[in-house]
Amino acid sequence: MRAYILSLAGFLLITLFAPAFLAEPCDAAFVPSNNITLERDGMTWEYQEQITGNEAVLFRNFIDLQAGNDDNFVNAWEILKAETALRDQMEEALKTRPDVKLNGTSDPVKATNIDFWLSREALGKVGKNLSITNSASVSYIFEKELRQDANIWLLGTPYSNVTITLPADFDIKKTAGLDNKSQDFGNNRTVLKGSFGPQKNITLWISENESSIAGPEGGNGSVEQDAGSKNKEGINKTGNAGEIAEVGKPSGSFKDIFTQFYLSTKS
């Protein structure tokens, strides 16, 4: 059973404003951003989204109807109840359709410590159209640590800004799906900035740099070369999977969750 089910009133509300939810983010009603930090044994994905205009009114109505007493006023306990419901929905979405793949598969990637915060800007009368900034955070663990060559596939919100910090001692080889890309380096880490493209996904091909592989004592060049060749073959077998968009898969954003609610009632 779905962790969170819309009431009839909620369904009618979402149906009324469905075009606003299903529209692309270019209307500035939803302004999302992503901050992703990769480590050898896992990663964190911090998400923030600003909701403005009529969508802010709809969001307050959503809280009042689904988590409150439908009195046209959002109070603190309603926000806390809505946080729990949306956190559960996000957790369920990530279990059924993961948004991170390692070397072409989601099997070694486990989502943990999912947090969801609704801004206290939502407090007050539901008719207010003042902007609301909400945030979420998901921690992931990798069952196998990143070693030498690897590719990471990420599914997000189209056109949303993203900052991706690579693990220490890793270099970026190439990317796919990262628009407006720029690259910085600091504290022994490569930092990529850009945005998700229209296909919703980004793939990164990364490799441990030579100084890290060799270690302080230096390494055997032939062994490194052989290992690199084997890993390169592995990437060739799985790399293409990261470039294919999964259409209709919720990325976990607030807009996507609302859209999922609406579409689920139509199926």
Protein backbone atom coordinates (compact mmCIF):
# COMPACT_ATOMS: atom_id res chain seq x y z
CA MET A 1 0.00 0.00 0.00
CA ARG A 2 1.25 3.48 -0.81
CA ALA A 3 2.76 5.21 2.19
CA TYR A 4 0.78 8.38 1.57
CA ILE A 5 -2.63 8.56 -0.18
CA LEU A 6 -4.36 11.74 -1.29
CA SER A 7 -7.85 12.45 -0.01
CA LEU A 8 -10.58 13.40 -2.47
CA ALA A 9 -10.12 17.08 -1.63
CA GLY A 10 -6.40 16.80 -2.23
CA PHE A 11 -6.99 15.04 -5.54
CA LEU A 12 -9.32 17.80 -6.69
CA LEU A 13 -6.80 20.43 -5.65
CA ILE A 14 -3.92 18.76 -7.49
CA THR A 15 -6.15 18.18 -10.53
CA LEU A 16 -7.09 21.84 -10.62
CA PHE A 17 -3.47 22.94 -10.63
CA ALA A 18 -2.03 19.94 -12.52
CA PRO A 19 -0.67 22.06 -15.41
CA ALA A 20 1.44 24.03 -12.96
CA PHE A 21 2.94 20.84 -11.49
CA LEU A 22 3.49 19.14 -14.81
CA ALA A 23 5.10 22.18 -16.44
CA GLU A 24 8.87 22.42 -16.69
CA PRO A 25 10.82 24.43 -14.06
CA CYS A 26 11.43 27.26 -16.54
CA ASP A 27 8.24 28.97 -15.23
CA ALA A 28 10.26 29.75 -12.05
CA ALA A 29 7.48 28.41 -9.83
CA PHE A 30 9.87 25.69 -8.65
CA VAL A 31 13.57 26.62 -8.41
CA PRO A 32 15.58 23.56 -7.34
CA SER A 33 19.28 23.14 -6.59
CA ASN A 34 21.42 20.12 -5.73
CA ASN A 35 24.64 19.67 -3.76
CA ILE A 36 26.20 16.21 -4.15
CA THR A 37 29.32 15.07 -2.29
CA LEU A 38 30.91 11.80 -3.37
CA GLU A 39 33.17 9.74 -1.12
CA ARG A 40 34.85 6.39 -1.71
CA ASP A 41 32.27 4.55 0.39
CA GLY A 42 29.15 6.60 -0.31
CA MET A 43 27.68 10.01 -1.00
CA THR A 44 25.28 12.65 0.26
CA TRP A 45 22.71 14.45 -1.86
CA GLU A 46 21.36 17.70 -0.43
CA TYR A 47 18.38 19.17 -2.21
CA GLN A 48 16.78 22.57 -1.87
CA GLU A 49 13.76 23.95 -3.67
CA GLN A 50 12.07 27.33 -3.64
CA ILE A 51 8.35 27.42 -4.39
CA THR A 52 6.93 30.77 -5.49
CA GLY A 53 3.73 32.43 -6.61
CA ASN A 54 0.54 30.40 -7.03
CA GLU A 55 2.42 27.16 -6.39
CA ALA A 56 3.27 28.47 -2.89
CA VAL A 57 -0.46 28.96 -2.29
CA LEU A 58 -1.14 25.43 -3.55
CA PHE A 59 1.61 24.04 -1.34
CA ARG A 60 0.09 25.65 1.77
CA ASN A 61 -3.32 24.26 0.76
CA PHE A 62 -1.69 20.86 0.34
CA ILE A 63 -0.36 20.96 3.92
CA ASP A 64 -3.65 22.20 5.36
CA LEU A 65 -5.73 19.56 3.56
CA GLN A 66 -3.44 16.54 3.85
CA ALA A 67 -1.85 17.07 7.26
CA GLY A 68 -4.17 19.52 8.96
CA ASN A 69 -7.80 20.32 9.67
CA ASP A 70 -8.67 22.27 6.51
CA ASP A 71 -9.14 25.58 8.37
CA ASN A 72 -7.24 27.68 5.79
CA PHE A 73 -4.34 28.12 8.20
CA VAL A 74 -1.04 26.23 8.42
CA ASN A 75 0.37 25.79 11.92
CA ALA A 76 3.53 24.12 13.27
CA TRP A 77 2.06 20.67 14.00
CA GLU A 78 0.65 20.48 10.47
CA ILE A 79 4.10 21.18 9.05
CA LEU A 80 5.65 18.44 11.20
CA LYS A 81 2.98 15.95 10.13
CA ALA A 82 3.47 16.86 6.46
CA GLU A 83 7.24 16.45 6.84
CA THR A 84 6.78 12.89 8.05
CA ALA A 85 4.36 12.01 5.24
CA LEU A 86 6.56 13.46 2.51
CA ARG A 87 9.68 11.86 3.99
CA ASP A 88 7.94 8.49 3.86
CA GLN A 89 6.87 9.11 0.28
CA MET A 90 10.41 10.06 -0.71
CA GLU A 91 11.80 6.93 0.95
CA GLU A 92 9.30 4.76 -0.87
CA ALA A 93 10.13 6.39 -4.20
CA LEU A 94 13.85 5.78 -3.74
CA LYS A 95 13.26 2.13 -2.82
CA THR A 96 11.17 1.41 -5.88
CA ARG A 97 13.17 3.44 -8.39
CA PRO A 98 16.67 4.43 -7.20
CA ASP A 99 18.17 7.68 -8.47
CA VAL A 100 21.85 6.68 -8.17
CA LYS A 101 23.75 3.96 -10.03
CA LEU A 102 27.33 2.82 -9.64
CA ASN A 103 28.93 1.25 -12.72
CA GLY A 104 25.57 0.81 -14.39
CA THR A 105 23.61 -0.76 -11.52
CA SER A 106 21.83 0.44 -8.39
CA ASP A 107 22.45 -2.84 -6.54
CA PRO A 108 25.53 -1.69 -4.56
CA VAL A 109 23.94 1.66 -3.66
CA LYS A 110 21.78 1.91 -0.54
CA ALA A 111 19.87 5.04 0.49
CA THR A 112 19.96 5.78 4.22
CA ASN A 113 19.17 8.67 6.59
CA ILE A 114 16.52 10.39 4.49
CA ASP A 115 15.59 13.80 5.93
CA PHE A 116 12.92 16.18 4.72
CA TRP A 117 12.38 19.70 6.05
CA LEU A 118 9.45 21.98 5.27
CA SER A 119 10.25 25.64 5.75
CA ARG A 120 8.47 27.54 8.50
CA GLU A 121 7.81 30.11 5.78
CA ALA A 122 4.74 27.96 5.08
CA LEU A 123 3.17 29.01 8.40
CA GLY A 124 0.09 31.21 8.28
CA LYS A 125 -2.89 31.69 6.01
CA VAL A 126 -3.00 29.34 3.04
CA GLY A 127 -3.74 32.21 0.64
CA LYS A 128 -0.28 33.77 1.07
CA ASN A 129 1.88 33.59 -2.05
CA LEU A 130 5.16 34.41 -0.30
CA SER A 131 7.93 32.05 -1.41
CA ILE A 132 8.69 28.86 0.54
CA THR A 133 12.15 27.24 0.57
CA ASN A 134 12.21 23.55 1.51
CA SER A 135 15.09 21.09 1.67
CA ALA A 136 15.91 17.40 1.78
CA SER A 137 19.00 15.28 2.33
CA VAL A 138 19.75 11.66 1.50
CA SER A 139 22.85 9.69 2.50
CA TYR A 140 23.93 6.73 0.39
CA ILE A 141 26.42 3.96 1.12
CA PHE A 142 28.35 1.97 -1.48
CA GLU A 143 28.73 -1.72 -0.68
CA LYS A 144 32.05 -1.60 -2.51
CA GLU A 145 34.41 1.36 -2.24
CA LEU A 146 35.28 3.29 -5.36
CA ARG A 147 38.54 1.97 -6.77
CA GLN A 148 40.41 3.46 -9.72
CA ASP A 149 37.91 3.76 -12.62
CA ALA A 150 34.15 4.05 -12.00
CA ASN A 151 31.06 5.71 -13.40
CA ILE A 152 28.29 7.35 -11.38
CA TRP A 153 24.77 7.89 -12.74
CA LEU A 154 22.51 10.50 -11.11
CA LEU A 155 18.82 11.19 -11.84
CA GLY A 156 17.56 14.65 -10.94
CA THR A 157 15.23 17.46 -11.94
CA PRO A 158 15.68 18.83 -15.49
CA TYR A 159 17.44 22.21 -15.67
CA SER A 160 18.13 22.33 -11.92
CA ASN A 161 21.54 23.57 -10.78
CA VAL A 162 23.97 21.05 -9.36
CA THR A 163 27.34 21.07 -7.59
CA ILE A 164 29.18 17.73 -7.50
CA THR A 165 32.28 17.21 -5.34
CA LEU A 166 34.38 14.18 -6.29
CA PRO A 167 36.13 11.97 -3.74
CA ALA A 168 39.60 13.04 -2.69
CA ASP A 169 42.30 11.93 -5.16
CA PHE A 170 39.83 11.31 -7.99
CA ASP A 171 39.84 13.03 -11.38
CA ILE A 172 36.98 13.50 -13.82
CA LYS A 173 37.46 11.76 -17.17
CA LYS A 174 34.25 12.78 -18.92
CA THR A 175 30.62 13.64 -18.27
CA ALA A 176 27.28 13.20 -20.02
CA GLY A 177 24.10 15.16 -19.31
CA LEU A 178 25.83 17.93 -17.32
CA ASP A 179 24.98 21.21 -19.03
CA ASN A 180 26.82 24.52 -18.56
CA LYS A 181 29.70 22.63 -16.97
CA SER A 182 32.52 24.31 -15.06
CA GLN A 183 35.29 22.73 -13.00
CA ASP A 184 37.27 23.83 -9.95
CA PHE A 185 39.85 22.14 -7.74
CA GLY A 186 40.56 22.59 -4.04
CA ASN A 187 41.53 20.58 -0.95
CA ASN A 188 42.55 17.71 -3.22
CA ARG A 189 39.02 17.49 -4.63
CA THR A 190 37.53 18.23 -8.04
CA VAL A 191 34.30 20.23 -7.95
CA LEU A 192 31.93 20.23 -10.92
CA LYS A 193 29.15 22.78 -11.39
CA GLY A 194 26.39 22.93 -13.98
CA SER A 195 22.81 21.78 -14.42
CA PHE A 196 20.83 18.68 -15.24
CA GLY A 197 19.88 18.53 -18.90
CA PRO A 198 16.42 17.80 -20.34
CA GLN A 199 17.04 14.04 -20.13
CA LYS A 200 17.13 14.34 -16.30
CA ASN A 201 20.32 12.31 -15.76
CA ILE A 202 24.04 12.95 -15.41
CA THR A 203 26.79 10.35 -15.78
CA LEU A 204 30.30 10.92 -14.45
CA TRP A 205 33.32 8.83 -15.41
CA ILE A 206 35.92 9.24 -12.68
CA SER A 207 39.34 7.75 -12.02
CA GLU A 208 41.70 7.68 -9.10
CA ASN A 209 44.67 9.86 -9.97
CA GLU A 210 48.08 8.32 -10.53
CA SER A 211 49.73 9.72 -7.41
CA SER A 212 47.05 8.15 -5.22
CA ILE A 213 47.27 4.77 -6.96
CA ALA A 214 51.07 4.67 -6.71
CA GLY A 215 51.03 5.56 -3.01
CA PRO A 216 53.88 7.13 -1.03
CA GLU A 217 56.34 4.38 -1.94
CA GLY A 218 55.57 4.53 -5.65
CA GLY A 219 53.91 1.76 -7.63
CA ASN A 220 54.52 -0.81 -10.32
CA GLY A 221 53.61 0.85 -13.60
CA SER A 222 52.80 -2.36 -15.43
CA VAL A 223 50.43 -3.53 -12.72
CA GLU A 224 48.64 -0.18 -12.80
CA GLN A 225 48.38 -0.34 -16.55
CA ASP A 226 46.85 -3.83 -16.46
CA ALA A 227 44.38 -2.81 -13.78
CA GLY A 228 43.48 0.28 -15.75
CA SER A 229 42.84 -1.79 -18.87
CA LYS A 230 40.55 -4.16 -16.99
CA ASN A 231 38.62 -1.31 -15.44
CA LYS A 232 38.35 0.41 -18.77
CA GLU A 233 36.74 -2.73 -20.20
CA GLY A 234 34.30 -2.74 -17.29
CA ILE A 235 33.32 0.85 -17.97
CA ASN A 236 32.78 0.12 -21.66
CA LYS A 237 30.33 -2.63 -20.70
CA THR A 238 28.31 -0.52 -18.28
CA GLY A 239 28.92 3.08 -19.28
CA ASN A 240 26.17 3.32 -21.87
CA ALA A 241 23.53 2.47 -19.31
CA GLY A 242 24.17 5.78 -17.59
CA GLU A 243 23.34 7.79 -20.68
CA ILE A 244 19.78 6.49 -21.07
CA ALA A 245 17.07 8.54 -19.37
CA GLU A 246 14.41 6.78 -17.31
CA VAL A 247 11.29 8.63 -18.37
CA GLY A 248 8.64 9.16 -15.72
CA LYS A 249 10.81 8.21 -12.74
CA PRO A 250 10.40 10.54 -9.73
CA SER A 251 13.69 12.10 -8.70
CA GLY A 252 12.56 12.90 -5.18
CA SER A 253 12.03 16.64 -5.67
CA PHE A 254 8.96 18.33 -4.23
CA LYS A 255 7.58 18.98 -7.70
CA ASP A 256 8.15 15.36 -8.73
CA ILE A 257 6.46 14.05 -5.59
CA PHE A 258 3.38 16.18 -6.21
CA THR A 259 3.36 15.11 -9.86
CA GLN A 260 3.62 11.48 -8.77
CA PHE A 261 0.60 11.96 -6.49
CA TYR A 262 -1.39 13.37 -9.38
CA LEU A 263 -0.39 10.68 -11.88
CA SER A 264 -1.03 7.86 -9.39
CA THR A 265 -4.65 8.91 -9.09
CA LYS A 266 -5.02 8.78 -12.86
CA SER A 267 -3.71 5.20 -13.20
